[in-house]
Amino acid sequence: FFLMIRRPPRSTQSRSSAASDVYKRQIQNQWEHLQMKYVGTGHADITKWEWGTNMQRDSLASHVGHHARMIYFGVAENDTIARMRHNLITKMIRPCGPPPEKEKDEF
């Protein structure tokens, strides 16, 4: 008399595999949430120019927001803090120049 223990078919996921899938979905949801919340994190459709523009604007906004850094820039450029702030804010409008021309589809 032999006792047969039946094993589950191989196509059935183990507990650890199912937990791994849940974890991957949670990470994906968190990533999508960050992309919606912060523009600079990018997404699959962002162009190199858009990404560069976002990075430049973030950097310029950080410079304008830190008074000590504005003093440093003013001394380095031999200009007033108000003039430096104005120049940096003006530069934020188009930090990377005009956008590149989009290629037209041949269809």
PDB file of N, CA and C in Angstrom:
ATOM      1  N   PHE A   1       0.843  -1.163   0.000  1.00  0.00           N
ATOM      2  CA  PHE A   1       0.000   0.000   0.000  1.00  0.00           C
ATOM      3  C   PHE A   1       0.901   1.243   0.000  1.00  0.00           C
ATOM      4  N   PHE A   2       0.818   2.015  -1.079  1.00  0.00           N
ATOM      5  CA  PHE A   2       1.612   3.239  -1.213  1.00  0.00           C
ATOM      6  C   PHE A   2       0.698   4.455  -1.137  1.00  0.00           C
ATOM      7  N   LEU A   3       1.129   5.452  -0.419  1.00  0.00           N
ATOM      8  CA  LEU A   3       0.383   6.705  -0.316  1.00  0.00           C
ATOM      9  C   LEU A   3       0.948   7.672  -1.355  1.00  0.00           C
ATOM     10  N   MET A   4       0.123   8.102  -2.247  1.00  0.00           N
ATOM     11  CA  MET A   4       0.555   9.025  -3.309  1.00  0.00           C
ATOM     12  C   MET A   4       0.238  10.465  -2.895  1.00  0.00           C
ATOM     13  N   ILE A   5       1.250  11.285  -2.951  1.00  0.00           N
ATOM     14  CA  ILE A   5       1.050  12.710  -2.690  1.00  0.00           C
ATOM     15  C   ILE A   5       1.019  13.406  -4.038  1.00  0.00           C
ATOM     16  N   ARG A   6      -0.053  14.106  -4.256  1.00  0.00           N
ATOM     17  CA  ARG A   6      -0.218  14.761  -5.544  1.00  0.00           C
ATOM     18  C   ARG A   6       0.423  16.144  -5.520  1.00  0.00           C
ATOM     19  N   ARG A   7       1.239  16.409  -6.523  1.00  0.00           N
ATOM     20  CA  ARG A   7       1.878  17.715  -6.649  1.00  0.00           C
ATOM     21  C   ARG A   7       1.016  18.597  -7.538  1.00  0.00           C
ATOM     22  N   PRO A   8       1.013  19.935  -7.279  1.00  0.00           N
ATOM     23  CA  PRO A   8       0.257  20.831  -8.163  1.00  0.00           C
ATOM     24  C   PRO A   8       0.914  20.882  -9.541  1.00  0.00           C
ATOM     25  N   PRO A   9       0.147  21.145 -10.571  1.00  0.00           N
ATOM     26  CA  PRO A   9       0.743  21.254 -11.903  1.00  0.00           C
ATOM     27  C   PRO A   9       1.743  22.409 -11.946  1.00  0.00           C
ATOM     28  N   ARG A  10       2.712  22.309 -12.825  1.00  0.00           N
ATOM     29  CA  ARG A  10       3.765  23.324 -12.899  1.00  0.00           C
ATOM     30  C   ARG A  10       3.246  24.685 -13.363  1.00  0.00           C
ATOM     31  N   SER A  11       2.137  24.727 -14.055  1.00  0.00           N
ATOM     32  CA  SER A  11       1.618  25.998 -14.538  1.00  0.00           C
ATOM     33  C   SER A  11       1.036  26.851 -13.416  1.00  0.00           C
ATOM     34  N   THR A  12       0.744  26.245 -12.279  1.00  0.00           N
ATOM     35  CA  THR A  12       0.217  26.996 -11.145  1.00  0.00           C
ATOM     36  C   THR A  12       1.352  27.765 -10.481  1.00  0.00           C
ATOM     37  N   GLN A  13       1.085  29.039 -10.167  1.00  0.00           N
ATOM     38  CA  GLN A  13       2.121  29.846  -9.538  1.00  0.00           C
ATOM     39  C   GLN A  13       2.287  29.464  -8.081  1.00  0.00           C
ATOM     40  N   SER A  14       3.498  29.488  -7.618  1.00  0.00           N
ATOM     41  CA  SER A  14       3.748  29.261  -6.199  1.00  0.00           C
ATOM     42  C   SER A  14       3.405  30.534  -5.439  1.00  0.00           C
ATOM     43  N   ARG A  15       3.361  30.440  -4.123  1.00  0.00           N
ATOM     44  CA  ARG A  15       3.052  31.612  -3.312  1.00  0.00           C
ATOM     45  C   ARG A  15       4.076  32.720  -3.517  1.00  0.00           C
ATOM     46  N   SER A  16       5.331  32.347  -3.572  1.00  0.00           N
ATOM     47  CA  SER A  16       6.370  33.368  -3.718  1.00  0.00           C
ATOM     48  C   SER A  16       6.274  34.064  -5.077  1.00  0.00           C
ATOM     49  N   SER A  17       5.893  33.322  -6.120  1.00  0.00           N
ATOM     50  CA  SER A  17       5.747  33.917  -7.438  1.00  0.00           C
ATOM     51  C   SER A  17       4.557  34.868  -7.471  1.00  0.00           C
ATOM     52  N   ALA A  18       3.456  34.475  -6.854  1.00  0.00           N
ATOM     53  CA  ALA A  18       2.276  35.342  -6.801  1.00  0.00           C
ATOM     54  C   ALA A  18       2.589  36.598  -5.994  1.00  0.00           C
ATOM     55  N   ALA A  19       3.311  36.443  -4.889  1.00  0.00           N
ATOM     56  CA  ALA A  19       3.693  37.605  -4.080  1.00  0.00           C
ATOM     57  C   ALA A  19       4.610  38.527  -4.874  1.00  0.00           C
ATOM     58  N   SER A  20       5.482  37.940  -5.678  1.00  0.00           N
ATOM     59  CA  SER A  20       6.377  38.727  -6.507  1.00  0.00           C
ATOM     60  C   SER A  20       5.589  39.550  -7.526  1.00  0.00           C
ATOM     61  N   ASP A  21       4.553  38.956  -8.107  1.00  0.00           N
ATOM     62  CA  ASP A  21       3.712  39.685  -9.067  1.00  0.00           C
ATOM     63  C   ASP A  21       2.988  40.852  -8.397  1.00  0.00           C
ATOM     64  N   VAL A  22       2.492  40.626  -7.182  1.00  0.00           N
ATOM     65  CA  VAL A  22       1.822  41.692  -6.436  1.00  0.00           C
ATOM     66  C   VAL A  22       2.816  42.821  -6.157  1.00  0.00           C
ATOM     67  N   TYR A  23       4.021  42.463  -5.749  1.00  0.00           N
ATOM     68  CA  TYR A  23       5.054  43.454  -5.472  1.00  0.00           C
ATOM     69  C   TYR A  23       5.382  44.260  -6.722  1.00  0.00           C
ATOM     70  N   LYS A  24       5.498  43.591  -7.872  1.00  0.00           N
ATOM     71  CA  LYS A  24       5.796  44.288  -9.129  1.00  0.00           C
ATOM     72  C   LYS A  24       4.681  45.262  -9.485  1.00  0.00           C
ATOM     73  N   ARG A  25       3.426  44.856  -9.257  1.00  0.00           N
ATOM     74  CA  ARG A  25       2.298  45.765  -9.542  1.00  0.00           C
ATOM     75  C   ARG A  25       2.336  46.978  -8.623  1.00  0.00           C
ATOM     76  N   GLN A  26       2.691  46.756  -7.346  1.00  0.00           N
ATOM     77  CA  GLN A  26       2.773  47.882  -6.411  1.00  0.00           C
ATOM     78  C   GLN A  26       3.859  48.860  -6.838  1.00  0.00           C
ATOM     79  N   ILE A  27       5.004  48.340  -7.254  1.00  0.00           N
ATOM     80  CA  ILE A  27       6.097  49.198  -7.713  1.00  0.00           C
ATOM     81  C   ILE A  27       5.656  49.980  -8.945  1.00  0.00           C
ATOM     82  N   GLN A  28       4.989  49.317  -9.878  1.00  0.00           N
ATOM     83  CA  GLN A  28       4.508  49.979 -11.092  1.00  0.00           C
ATOM     84  C   GLN A  28       3.520  51.090 -10.748  1.00  0.00           C
ATOM     85  N   ASN A  29       2.609  50.824  -9.809  1.00  0.00           N
ATOM     86  CA  ASN A  29       1.631  51.841  -9.407  1.00  0.00           C
ATOM     87  C   ASN A  29       2.318  53.028  -8.740  1.00  0.00           C
ATOM     88  N   GLN A  30       3.322  52.755  -7.907  1.00  0.00           N
ATOM     89  CA  GLN A  30       4.053  53.840  -7.265  1.00  0.00           C
ATOM     90  C   GLN A  30       4.806  54.679  -8.299  1.00  0.00           C
ATOM     91  N   TRP A  31       5.398  54.025  -9.285  1.00  0.00           N
ATOM     92  CA  TRP A  31       6.132  54.734 -10.335  1.00  0.00           C
ATOM     93  C   TRP A  31       5.189  55.622 -11.133  1.00  0.00           C
ATOM     94  N   GLU A  32       4.006  55.095 -11.490  1.00  0.00           N
ATOM     95  CA  GLU A  32       3.027  55.897 -12.234  1.00  0.00           C
ATOM     96  C   GLU A  32       2.562  57.087 -11.415  1.00  0.00           C
ATOM     97  N   HIS A  33       2.396  56.892 -10.105  1.00  0.00           N
ATOM     98  CA  HIS A  33       1.983  57.992  -9.230  1.00  0.00           C
ATOM     99  C   HIS A  33       3.056  59.085  -9.203  1.00  0.00           C
ATOM    100  N   LEU A  34       4.319  58.681  -9.093  1.00  0.00           N
ATOM    101  CA  LEU A  34       5.404  59.665  -9.104  1.00  0.00           C
ATOM    102  C   LEU A  34       5.466  60.418 -10.426  1.00  0.00           C
ATOM    103  N   GLN A  35       5.238  59.714 -11.523  1.00  0.00           N
ATOM    104  CA  GLN A  35       5.281  60.370 -12.827  1.00  0.00           C
ATOM    105  C   GLN A  35       4.169  61.401 -12.962  1.00  0.00           C
ATOM    106  N   MET A  36       2.999  61.128 -12.390  1.00  0.00           N
ATOM    107  CA  MET A  36       1.912  62.101 -12.437  1.00  0.00           C
ATOM    108  C   MET A  36       2.199  63.281 -11.512  1.00  0.00           C
ATOM    109  N   LYS A  37       2.832  63.020 -10.376  1.00  0.00           N
ATOM    110  CA  LYS A  37       3.069  64.059  -9.377  1.00  0.00           C
ATOM    111  C   LYS A  37       4.221  64.979  -9.759  1.00  0.00           C
ATOM    112  N   TYR A  38       5.293  64.400 -10.295  1.00  0.00           N
ATOM    113  CA  TYR A  38       6.489  65.177 -10.632  1.00  0.00           C
ATOM    114  C   TYR A  38       6.746  65.091 -12.125  1.00  0.00           C
ATOM    115  N   VAL A  39       6.725  66.240 -12.777  1.00  0.00           N
ATOM    116  CA  VAL A  39       6.904  66.280 -14.222  1.00  0.00           C
ATOM    117  C   VAL A  39       8.290  65.783 -14.623  1.00  0.00           C
ATOM    118  N   GLY A  40       9.296  66.088 -13.856  1.00  0.00           N
ATOM    119  CA  GLY A  40      10.674  65.788 -14.217  1.00  0.00           C
ATOM    120  C   GLY A  40      11.047  64.320 -14.249  1.00  0.00           C
ATOM    121  N   THR A  41      10.191  63.438 -13.713  1.00  0.00           N
ATOM    122  CA  THR A  41      10.549  62.025 -13.718  1.00  0.00           C
ATOM    123  C   THR A  41      10.410  61.415 -15.092  1.00  0.00           C
ATOM    124  N   GLY A  42       9.700  62.058 -15.970  1.00  0.00           N
ATOM    125  CA  GLY A  42       9.587  61.583 -17.344  1.00  0.00           C
ATOM    126  C   GLY A  42       8.628  60.420 -17.503  1.00  0.00           C
ATOM    127  N   HIS A  43       8.439  60.045 -18.736  1.00  0.00           N
ATOM    128  CA  HIS A  43       7.604  58.906 -19.091  1.00  0.00           C
ATOM    129  C   HIS A  43       8.090  58.379 -20.430  1.00  0.00           C
ATOM    130  N   ALA A  44       7.435  57.380 -20.926  1.00  0.00           N
ATOM    131  CA  ALA A  44       7.907  56.716 -22.147  1.00  0.00           C
ATOM    132  C   ALA A  44       7.855  57.629 -23.372  1.00  0.00           C
ATOM    133  N   ASP A  45       6.966  58.593 -23.389  1.00  0.00           N
ATOM    134  CA  ASP A  45       6.782  59.442 -24.568  1.00  0.00           C
ATOM    135  C   ASP A  45       7.547  60.763 -24.513  1.00  0.00           C
ATOM    136  N   ILE A  46       8.303  61.007 -23.462  1.00  0.00           N
ATOM    137  CA  ILE A  46       9.000  62.294 -23.337  1.00  0.00           C
ATOM    138  C   ILE A  46      10.195  62.333 -24.298  1.00  0.00           C
ATOM    139  N   THR A  47      10.393  63.498 -24.897  1.00  0.00           N
ATOM    140  CA  THR A  47      11.514  63.651 -25.825  1.00  0.00           C
ATOM    141  C   THR A  47      12.750  64.142 -25.065  1.00  0.00           C
ATOM    142  N   LYS A  48      13.881  64.063 -25.709  1.00  0.00           N
ATOM    143  CA  LYS A  48      15.134  64.526 -25.108  1.00  0.00           C
ATOM    144  C   LYS A  48      15.046  66.019 -24.807  1.00  0.00           C
ATOM    145  N   TRP A  49      14.454  66.793 -25.711  1.00  0.00           N
ATOM    146  CA  TRP A  49      14.326  68.233 -25.517  1.00  0.00           C
ATOM    147  C   TRP A  49      13.428  68.539 -24.316  1.00  0.00           C
ATOM    148  N   GLU A  50      12.291  67.836 -24.192  1.00  0.00           N
ATOM    149  CA  GLU A  50      11.380  68.063 -23.064  1.00  0.00           C
ATOM    150  C   GLU A  50      12.059  67.727 -21.735  1.00  0.00           C
ATOM    151  N   TRP A  51      12.803  66.620 -21.717  1.00  0.00           N
ATOM    152  CA  TRP A  51      13.487  66.232 -20.495  1.00  0.00           C
ATOM    153  C   TRP A  51      14.541  67.277 -20.120  1.00  0.00           C
ATOM    154  N   GLY A  52      15.322  67.725 -21.096  1.00  0.00           N
ATOM    155  CA  GLY A  52      16.337  68.740 -20.838  1.00  0.00           C
ATOM    156  C   GLY A  52      15.727  70.044 -20.348  1.00  0.00           C
ATOM    157  N   THR A  53      14.604  70.428 -20.940  1.00  0.00           N
ATOM    158  CA  THR A  53      13.903  71.644 -20.514  1.00  0.00           C
ATOM    159  C   THR A  53      13.447  71.527 -19.070  1.00  0.00           C
ATOM    160  N   ASN A  54      12.879  70.372 -18.708  1.00  0.00           N
ATOM    161  CA  ASN A  54      12.434  70.168 -17.323  1.00  0.00           C
ATOM    162  C   ASN A  54      13.605  70.254 -16.351  1.00  0.00           C
ATOM    163  N   MET A  55      14.732  69.646 -16.704  1.00  0.00           N
ATOM    164  CA  MET A  55      15.896  69.662 -15.817  1.00  0.00           C
ATOM    165  C   MET A  55      16.445  71.082 -15.652  1.00  0.00           C
ATOM    166  N   GLN A  56      16.515  71.815 -16.766  1.00  0.00           N
ATOM    167  CA  GLN A  56      17.015  73.197 -16.701  1.00  0.00           C
ATOM    168  C   GLN A  56      16.100  74.062 -15.839  1.00  0.00           C
ATOM    169  N   ARG A  57      14.789  73.937 -16.035  1.00  0.00           N
ATOM    170  CA  ARG A  57      13.842  74.747 -15.254  1.00  0.00           C
ATOM    171  C   ARG A  57      13.921  74.406 -13.771  1.00  0.00           C
ATOM    172  N   ASP A  58      14.036  73.126 -13.450  1.00  0.00           N
ATOM    173  CA  ASP A  58      14.163  72.733 -12.046  1.00  0.00           C
ATOM    174  C   ASP A  58      15.427  73.330 -11.430  1.00  0.00           C
ATOM    175  N   SER A  59      16.530  73.279 -12.160  1.00  0.00           N
ATOM    176  CA  SER A  59      17.785  73.825 -11.647  1.00  0.00           C
ATOM    177  C   SER A  59      17.696  75.336 -11.465  1.00  0.00           C
ATOM    178  N   LEU A  60      17.144  76.016 -12.459  1.00  0.00           N
ATOM    179  CA  LEU A  60      17.023  77.477 -12.366  1.00  0.00           C
ATOM    180  C   LEU A  60      16.098  77.877 -11.222  1.00  0.00           C
ATOM    181  N   ALA A  61      14.995  77.153 -11.041  1.00  0.00           N
ATOM    182  CA  ALA A  61      14.077  77.448  -9.937  1.00  0.00           C
ATOM    183  C   ALA A  61      14.766  77.232  -8.593  1.00  0.00           C
ATOM    184  N   SER A  62      15.613  76.210  -8.511  1.00  0.00           N
ATOM    185  CA  SER A  62      16.354  75.972  -7.274  1.00  0.00           C
ATOM    186  C   SER A  62      17.332  77.114  -6.991  1.00  0.00           C
ATOM    187  N   HIS A  63      18.012  77.599  -8.023  1.00  0.00           N
ATOM    188  CA  HIS A  63      18.947  78.723  -7.841  1.00  0.00           C
ATOM    189  C   HIS A  63      18.211  79.964  -7.352  1.00  0.00           C
ATOM    190  N   VAL A  64      17.070  80.260  -7.976  1.00  0.00           N
ATOM    191  CA  VAL A  64      16.303  81.457  -7.602  1.00  0.00           C
ATOM    192  C   VAL A  64      15.789  81.334  -6.170  1.00  0.00           C
ATOM    193  N   GLY A  65      15.438  80.137  -5.749  1.00  0.00           N
ATOM    194  CA  GLY A  65      14.867  79.939  -4.416  1.00  0.00           C
ATOM    195  C   GLY A  65      15.865  79.971  -3.275  1.00  0.00           C
ATOM    196  N   HIS A  66      17.160  79.906  -3.545  1.00  0.00           N
ATOM    197  CA  HIS A  66      18.166  79.918  -2.493  1.00  0.00           C
ATOM    198  C   HIS A  66      18.902  81.262  -2.496  1.00  0.00           C
ATOM    199  N   HIS A  67      18.629  82.065  -1.473  1.00  0.00           N
ATOM    200  CA  HIS A  67      19.171  83.420  -1.419  1.00  0.00           C
ATOM    201  C   HIS A  67      20.700  83.426  -1.390  1.00  0.00           C
ATOM    202  N   ALA A  68      21.284  82.505  -0.628  1.00  0.00           N
ATOM    203  CA  ALA A  68      22.756  82.471  -0.536  1.00  0.00           C
ATOM    204  C   ALA A  68      23.378  82.181  -1.901  1.00  0.00           C
ATOM    205  N   ARG A  69      22.748  81.329  -2.663  1.00  0.00           N
ATOM    206  CA  ARG A  69      23.261  81.023  -4.002  1.00  0.00           C
ATOM    207  C   ARG A  69      23.131  82.246  -4.909  1.00  0.00           C
ATOM    208  N   MET A  70      22.046  83.003  -4.744  1.00  0.00           N
ATOM    209  CA  MET A  70      21.863  84.221  -5.549  1.00  0.00           C
ATOM    210  C   MET A  70      22.949  85.252  -5.205  1.00  0.00           C
ATOM    211  N   ILE A  71      23.309  85.331  -3.935  1.00  0.00           N
ATOM    212  CA  ILE A  71      24.400  86.238  -3.538  1.00  0.00           C
ATOM    213  C   ILE A  71      25.699  85.801  -4.207  1.00  0.00           C
ATOM    214  N   TYR A  72      25.969  84.503  -4.190  1.00  0.00           N
ATOM    215  CA  TYR A  72      27.182  83.974  -4.808  1.00  0.00           C
ATOM    216  C   TYR A  72      27.216  84.298  -6.301  1.00  0.00           C
ATOM    217  N   PHE A  73      26.084  84.044  -6.989  1.00  0.00           N
ATOM    218  CA  PHE A  73      26.026  84.338  -8.425  1.00  0.00           C
ATOM    219  C   PHE A  73      26.195  85.827  -8.687  1.00  0.00           C
ATOM    220  N   GLY A  74      25.578  86.671  -7.832  1.00  0.00           N
ATOM    221  CA  GLY A  74      25.713  88.110  -8.000  1.00  0.00           C
ATOM    222  C   GLY A  74      27.154  88.573  -7.878  1.00  0.00           C
ATOM    223  N   VAL A  75      27.881  88.029  -6.908  1.00  0.00           N
ATOM    224  CA  VAL A  75      29.296  88.383  -6.732  1.00  0.00           C
ATOM    225  C   VAL A  75      30.106  87.868  -7.925  1.00  0.00           C
ATOM    226  N   ALA A  76      29.841  86.634  -8.350  1.00  0.00           N
ATOM    227  CA  ALA A  76      30.604  86.047  -9.455  1.00  0.00           C
ATOM    228  C   ALA A  76      30.375  86.802 -10.759  1.00  0.00           C
ATOM    229  N   GLU A  77      29.154  87.265 -10.989  1.00  0.00           N
ATOM    230  CA  GLU A  77      28.821  87.967 -12.235  1.00  0.00           C
ATOM    231  C   GLU A  77      28.959  89.488 -12.093  1.00  0.00           C
ATOM    232  N   ASN A  78      29.268  89.969 -10.881  1.00  0.00           N
ATOM    233  CA  ASN A  78      29.368  91.403 -10.608  1.00  0.00           C
ATOM    234  C   ASN A  78      28.069  92.101 -10.982  1.00  0.00           C
ATOM    235  N   ASP A  79      26.972  91.550 -10.463  1.00  0.00           N
ATOM    236  CA  ASP A  79      25.641  92.071 -10.767  1.00  0.00           C
ATOM    237  C   ASP A  79      24.808  92.041  -9.487  1.00  0.00           C
ATOM    238  N   THR A  80      23.711  92.776  -9.471  1.00  0.00           N
ATOM    239  CA  THR A  80      22.850  92.783  -8.287  1.00  0.00           C
ATOM    240  C   THR A  80      22.043  91.482  -8.215  1.00  0.00           C
ATOM    241  N   ILE A  81      21.564  91.189  -7.002  1.00  0.00           N
ATOM    242  CA  ILE A  81      20.771  89.977  -6.800  1.00  0.00           C
ATOM    243  C   ILE A  81      19.471  90.072  -7.595  1.00  0.00           C
ATOM    244  N   ALA A  82      18.859  91.258  -7.604  1.00  0.00           N
ATOM    245  CA  ALA A  82      17.603  91.427  -8.348  1.00  0.00           C
ATOM    246  C   ALA A  82      17.815  91.186  -9.842  1.00  0.00           C
ATOM    247  N   ARG A  83      18.918  91.670 -10.386  1.00  0.00           N
ATOM    248  CA  ARG A  83      19.205  91.469 -11.809  1.00  0.00           C
ATOM    249  C   ARG A  83      19.465  89.993 -12.100  1.00  0.00           C
ATOM    250  N   MET A  84      20.210  89.320 -11.199  1.00  0.00           N
ATOM    251  CA  MET A  84      20.475  87.889 -11.378  1.00  0.00           C
ATOM    252  C   MET A  84      19.170  87.091 -11.336  1.00  0.00           C
ATOM    253  N   ARG A  85      18.313  87.433 -10.377  1.00  0.00           N
ATOM    254  CA  ARG A  85      17.019  86.735 -10.271  1.00  0.00           C
ATOM    255  C   ARG A  85      16.204  86.942 -11.544  1.00  0.00           C
ATOM    256  N   HIS A  86      16.166  88.180 -12.037  1.00  0.00           N
ATOM    257  CA  HIS A  86      15.437  88.478 -13.267  1.00  0.00           C
ATOM    258  C   HIS A  86      15.998  87.675 -14.439  1.00  0.00           C
ATOM    259  N   ASN A  87      17.318  87.632 -14.563  1.00  0.00           N
ATOM    260  CA  ASN A  87      17.943  86.893 -15.668  1.00  0.00           C
ATOM    261  C   ASN A  87      17.610  85.404 -15.607  1.00  0.00           C
ATOM    262  N   LEU A  88      17.665  84.825 -14.407  1.00  0.00           N
ATOM    263  CA  LEU A  88      17.381  83.394 -14.277  1.00  0.00           C
ATOM    264  C   LEU A  88      15.911  83.080 -14.557  1.00  0.00           C
ATOM    265  N   ILE A  89      15.011  83.940 -14.069  1.00  0.00           N
ATOM    266  CA  ILE A  89      13.581  83.717 -14.330  1.00  0.00           C
ATOM    267  C   ILE A  89      13.288  83.880 -15.820  1.00  0.00           C
ATOM    268  N   THR A  90      13.914  84.840 -16.469  1.00  0.00           N
ATOM    269  CA  THR A  90      13.738  85.015 -17.911  1.00  0.00           C
ATOM    270  C   THR A  90      14.262  83.799 -18.673  1.00  0.00           C
ATOM    271  N   LYS A  91      15.366  83.240 -18.196  1.00  0.00           N
ATOM    272  CA  LYS A  91      15.948  82.064 -18.843  1.00  0.00           C
ATOM    273  C   LYS A  91      15.046  80.835 -18.703  1.00  0.00           C
ATOM    274  N   MET A  92      14.180  80.828 -17.692  1.00  0.00           N
ATOM    275  CA  MET A  92      13.286  79.686 -17.471  1.00  0.00           C
ATOM    276  C   MET A  92      12.219  79.564 -18.554  1.00  0.00           C
ATOM    277  N   ILE A  93      11.966  80.629 -19.305  1.00  0.00           N
ATOM    278  CA  ILE A  93      10.926  80.578 -20.336  1.00  0.00           C
ATOM    279  C   ILE A  93      11.278  79.558 -21.404  1.00  0.00           C
ATOM    280  N   ARG A  94      12.467  79.634 -21.939  1.00  0.00           N
ATOM    281  CA  ARG A  94      12.944  78.669 -22.933  1.00  0.00           C
ATOM    282  C   ARG A  94      14.387  78.319 -22.627  1.00  0.00           C
ATOM    283  N   PRO A  95      14.606  77.467 -21.621  1.00  0.00           N
ATOM    284  CA  PRO A  95      15.986  77.201 -21.200  1.00  0.00           C
ATOM    285  C   PRO A  95      16.814  76.447 -22.231  1.00  0.00           C
ATOM    286  N   CYS A  96      16.189  75.689 -23.101  1.00  0.00           N
ATOM    287  CA  CYS A  96      16.930  74.889 -24.092  1.00  0.00           C
ATOM    288  C   CYS A  96      16.688  75.380 -25.514  1.00  0.00           C
ATOM    289  N   GLY A  97      16.197  76.599 -25.652  1.00  0.00           N
ATOM    290  CA  GLY A  97      15.934  77.115 -26.988  1.00  0.00           C
ATOM    291  C   GLY A  97      14.600  76.627 -27.521  1.00  0.00           C
ATOM    292  N   PRO A  98      14.312  76.936 -28.779  1.00  0.00           N
ATOM    293  CA  PRO A  98      13.031  76.513 -29.351  1.00  0.00           C
ATOM    294  C   PRO A  98      12.993  74.992 -29.514  1.00  0.00           C
ATOM    295  N   PRO A  99      11.796  74.416 -29.459  1.00  0.00           N
ATOM    296  CA  PRO A  99      11.699  72.961 -29.614  1.00  0.00           C
ATOM    297  C   PRO A  99      12.112  72.531 -31.015  1.00  0.00           C
ATOM    298  N   PRO A 100      12.648  71.338 -31.133  1.00  0.00           N
ATOM    299  CA  PRO A 100      13.036  70.866 -32.466  1.00  0.00           C
ATOM    300  C   PRO A 100      11.808  70.622 -33.332  1.00  0.00           C
ATOM    301  N   GLU A 101      12.006  70.736 -34.621  1.00  0.00           N
ATOM    302  CA  GLU A 101      10.888  70.494 -35.539  1.00  0.00           C
ATOM    303  C   GLU A 101      10.538  69.018 -35.518  1.00  0.00           C
ATOM    304  N   LYS A 102       9.242  68.752 -35.537  1.00  0.00           N
ATOM    305  CA  LYS A 102       8.795  67.361 -35.534  1.00  0.00           C
ATOM    306  C   LYS A 102       8.852  66.809 -36.948  1.00  0.00           C
ATOM    307  N   GLU A 103       9.281  65.570 -37.033  1.00  0.00           N
ATOM    308  CA  GLU A 103       9.361  64.919 -38.344  1.00  0.00           C
ATOM    309  C   GLU A 103       7.967  64.576 -38.829  1.00  0.00           C
ATOM    310  N   LYS A 104       7.718  64.829 -40.094  1.00  0.00           N
ATOM    311  CA  LYS A 104       6.416  64.511 -40.654  1.00  0.00           C
ATOM    312  C   LYS A 104       6.420  63.056 -41.112  1.00  0.00           C
ATOM    313  N   ASP A 105       5.302  62.392 -40.871  1.00  0.00           N
ATOM    314  CA  ASP A 105       5.184  61.002 -41.310  1.00  0.00           C
ATOM    315  C   ASP A 105       5.035  60.956 -42.827  1.00  0.00           C
ATOM    316  N   GLU A 106       5.580  59.925 -43.405  1.00  0.00           N
ATOM    317  CA  GLU A 106       5.529  59.780 -44.858  1.00  0.00           C
ATOM    318  C   GLU A 106       4.224  59.160 -45.333  1.00  0.00           C
ATOM    319  N   PHE A 107       3.349  58.787 -44.425  1.00  0.00           N
ATOM    320  CA  PHE A 107       2.103  58.118 -44.826  1.00  0.00           C
ATOM    321  C   PHE A 107       1.104  59.078 -45.347  1.00  0.00           C
TER     322      PHE A 107
END
